[in-house]
Amino acid sequence: MIKRFTIVDEAGLHARPASLLVQKAATYPNDIFIEFNGKRLTLKSIMAVMSLGVPQNSVIAIDVEGENDADIMAALEKVLVDNNLI
């Protein structure tokens, strides 16, 4: 399941919320990826996520593969919403 989000935070996808997103993704056995600017990297690595340098008003895609993908996507989206990223 792939879902796209526009990052509205002035600082973009910055360290604190990115780390919370990575922590949430790491709790699941599924393969979970973040896509930005032609790059597709694991969402389970803070270094990978931060290396993307996602600025404000950019569109990212999150791809959850495997079972329970809708529930996992909802949990990841909640992290984005709770941290005012989208």
C-alpha atoms as a PDB file:
ATOM      1  CA  MET A   1       0.000   0.000   0.000  1.00  0.00           C
ATOM      2  CA  ILE A   2       1.427   3.342  -1.045  1.00  0.00           C
ATOM      3  CA  LYS A   3       0.171   6.666   0.242  1.00  0.00           C
ATOM      4  CA  ARG A   4       1.448  10.157  -0.541  1.00  0.00           C
ATOM      5  CA  PHE A   5       1.722  13.011   1.952  1.00  0.00           C
ATOM      6  CA  THR A   6       2.642  16.687   1.650  1.00  0.00           C
ATOM      7  CA  ILE A   7       4.986  17.789   4.433  1.00  0.00           C
ATOM      8  CA  VAL A   8       3.753  21.183   5.668  1.00  0.00           C
ATOM      9  CA  ASP A   9       6.049  21.755   8.661  1.00  0.00           C
ATOM     10  CA  GLU A  10       8.294  24.795   8.113  1.00  0.00           C
ATOM     11  CA  ALA A  11      11.361  22.697   8.966  1.00  0.00           C
ATOM     12  CA  GLY A  12      10.310  19.875   6.640  1.00  0.00           C
ATOM     13  CA  LEU A  13      10.742  16.298   7.831  1.00  0.00           C
ATOM     14  CA  HIS A  14      13.163  17.153  10.628  1.00  0.00           C
ATOM     15  CA  ALA A  15      14.950  15.006  13.199  1.00  0.00           C
ATOM     16  CA  ARG A  16      12.488  14.698  16.078  1.00  0.00           C
ATOM     17  CA  PRO A  17       9.363  13.676  14.152  1.00  0.00           C
ATOM     18  CA  ALA A  18      11.470  11.645  11.735  1.00  0.00           C
ATOM     19  CA  SER A  19      12.835   9.647  14.662  1.00  0.00           C
ATOM     20  CA  LEU A  20       9.302   9.036  15.960  1.00  0.00           C
ATOM     21  CA  LEU A  21       8.247   7.854  12.507  1.00  0.00           C
ATOM     22  CA  VAL A  22      11.255   5.508  12.308  1.00  0.00           C
ATOM     23  CA  GLN A  23      10.547   4.177  15.812  1.00  0.00           C
ATOM     24  CA  LYS A  24       6.938   3.412  14.863  1.00  0.00           C
ATOM     25  CA  ALA A  25       7.960   1.746  11.576  1.00  0.00           C
ATOM     26  CA  ALA A  26      10.534  -0.380  13.399  1.00  0.00           C
ATOM     27  CA  THR A  27       7.824  -1.958  15.553  1.00  0.00           C
ATOM     28  CA  TYR A  28       6.445  -3.820  12.531  1.00  0.00           C
ATOM     29  CA  PRO A  29       7.968  -6.825  10.725  1.00  0.00           C
ATOM     30  CA  ASN A  30       6.804  -5.493   7.339  1.00  0.00           C
ATOM     31  CA  ASP A  31       9.049  -3.865   4.770  1.00  0.00           C
ATOM     32  CA  ILE A  32       8.282  -0.143   4.952  1.00  0.00           C
ATOM     33  CA  PHE A  33       9.808   2.435   2.619  1.00  0.00           C
ATOM     34  CA  ILE A  34       9.834   6.197   2.214  1.00  0.00           C
ATOM     35  CA  GLU A  35      10.125   7.692  -1.256  1.00  0.00           C
ATOM     36  CA  PHE A  36      11.234  11.224  -2.086  1.00  0.00           C
ATOM     37  CA  ASN A  37      12.832  12.859  -5.097  1.00  0.00           C
ATOM     38  CA  GLY A  38      13.405   9.567  -6.906  1.00  0.00           C
ATOM     39  CA  LYS A  39      14.927   7.805  -3.899  1.00  0.00           C
ATOM     40  CA  ARG A  40      13.319   4.839  -2.137  1.00  0.00           C
ATOM     41  CA  LEU A  41      14.807   4.040   1.266  1.00  0.00           C
ATOM     42  CA  THR A  42      13.826   2.043   4.330  1.00  0.00           C
ATOM     43  CA  LEU A  43      11.676   3.909   6.833  1.00  0.00           C
ATOM     44  CA  LYS A  44      13.327   1.907   9.609  1.00  0.00           C
ATOM     45  CA  SER A  45      16.606   3.871   9.516  1.00  0.00           C
ATOM     46  CA  ILE A  46      16.883   7.427  10.847  1.00  0.00           C
ATOM     47  CA  MET A  47      20.035   7.939   8.782  1.00  0.00           C
ATOM     48  CA  ALA A  48      18.190   6.932   5.610  1.00  0.00           C
ATOM     49  CA  VAL A  49      15.228   9.193   6.350  1.00  0.00           C
ATOM     50  CA  MET A  50      17.370  12.200   7.290  1.00  0.00           C
ATOM     51  CA  SER A  51      19.557  11.721   4.208  1.00  0.00           C
ATOM     52  CA  LEU A  52      16.527  12.566   2.065  1.00  0.00           C
ATOM     53  CA  GLY A  53      16.471  16.168   3.323  1.00  0.00           C
ATOM     54  CA  VAL A  54      12.714  16.576   2.827  1.00  0.00           C
ATOM     55  CA  PRO A  55      11.828  20.305   2.883  1.00  0.00           C
ATOM     56  CA  GLN A  56       8.474  21.991   3.536  1.00  0.00           C
ATOM     57  CA  ASN A  57       5.768  21.541   0.867  1.00  0.00           C
ATOM     58  CA  SER A  58       7.388  18.388  -0.506  1.00  0.00           C
ATOM     59  CA  VAL A  59       5.455  15.239  -1.324  1.00  0.00           C
ATOM     60  CA  ILE A  60       6.705  11.978   0.138  1.00  0.00           C
ATOM     61  CA  ALA A  61       5.323   8.499  -0.378  1.00  0.00           C
ATOM     62  CA  ILE A  62       5.219   5.792   2.256  1.00  0.00           C
ATOM     63  CA  ASP A  63       5.021   2.207   1.034  1.00  0.00           C
ATOM     64  CA  VAL A  64       3.963  -0.538   3.445  1.00  0.00           C
ATOM     65  CA  GLU A  65       4.307  -4.074   2.109  1.00  0.00           C
ATOM     66  CA  GLY A  66       2.757  -7.228   3.515  1.00  0.00           C
ATOM     67  CA  GLU A  67      -0.031  -8.086   5.916  1.00  0.00           C
ATOM     68  CA  ASN A  68      -1.970  -5.473   7.873  1.00  0.00           C
ATOM     69  CA  ASP A  69      -0.677  -2.764   5.549  1.00  0.00           C
ATOM     70  CA  ALA A  70      -3.735  -0.534   6.054  1.00  0.00           C
ATOM     71  CA  ASP A  71      -3.453  -0.639   9.858  1.00  0.00           C
ATOM     72  CA  ILE A  72       0.266   0.070   9.725  1.00  0.00           C
ATOM     73  CA  MET A  73      -0.244   2.936   7.292  1.00  0.00           C
ATOM     74  CA  ALA A  74      -2.868   4.421   9.614  1.00  0.00           C
ATOM     75  CA  ALA A  75      -0.434   4.253  12.546  1.00  0.00           C
ATOM     76  CA  LEU A  76       2.322   5.937  10.521  1.00  0.00           C
ATOM     77  CA  GLU A  77      -0.086   8.606   9.289  1.00  0.00           C
ATOM     78  CA  LYS A  78      -1.086   9.275  12.908  1.00  0.00           C
ATOM     79  CA  VAL A  79       2.563   9.996  13.751  1.00  0.00           C
ATOM     80  CA  LEU A  80       2.693  12.493  10.874  1.00  0.00           C
ATOM     81  CA  VAL A  81      -0.547  14.168  11.985  1.00  0.00           C
ATOM     82  CA  ASP A  82       0.337  14.207  15.697  1.00  0.00           C
ATOM     83  CA  ASN A  83       3.621  15.957  14.887  1.00  0.00           C
ATOM     84  CA  ASN A  84       2.006  18.529  12.564  1.00  0.00           C
ATOM     85  CA  LEU A  85       3.962  17.309   9.555  1.00  0.00           C
ATOM     86  CA  ILE A  86       0.923  16.938   7.299  1.00  0.00           C
END
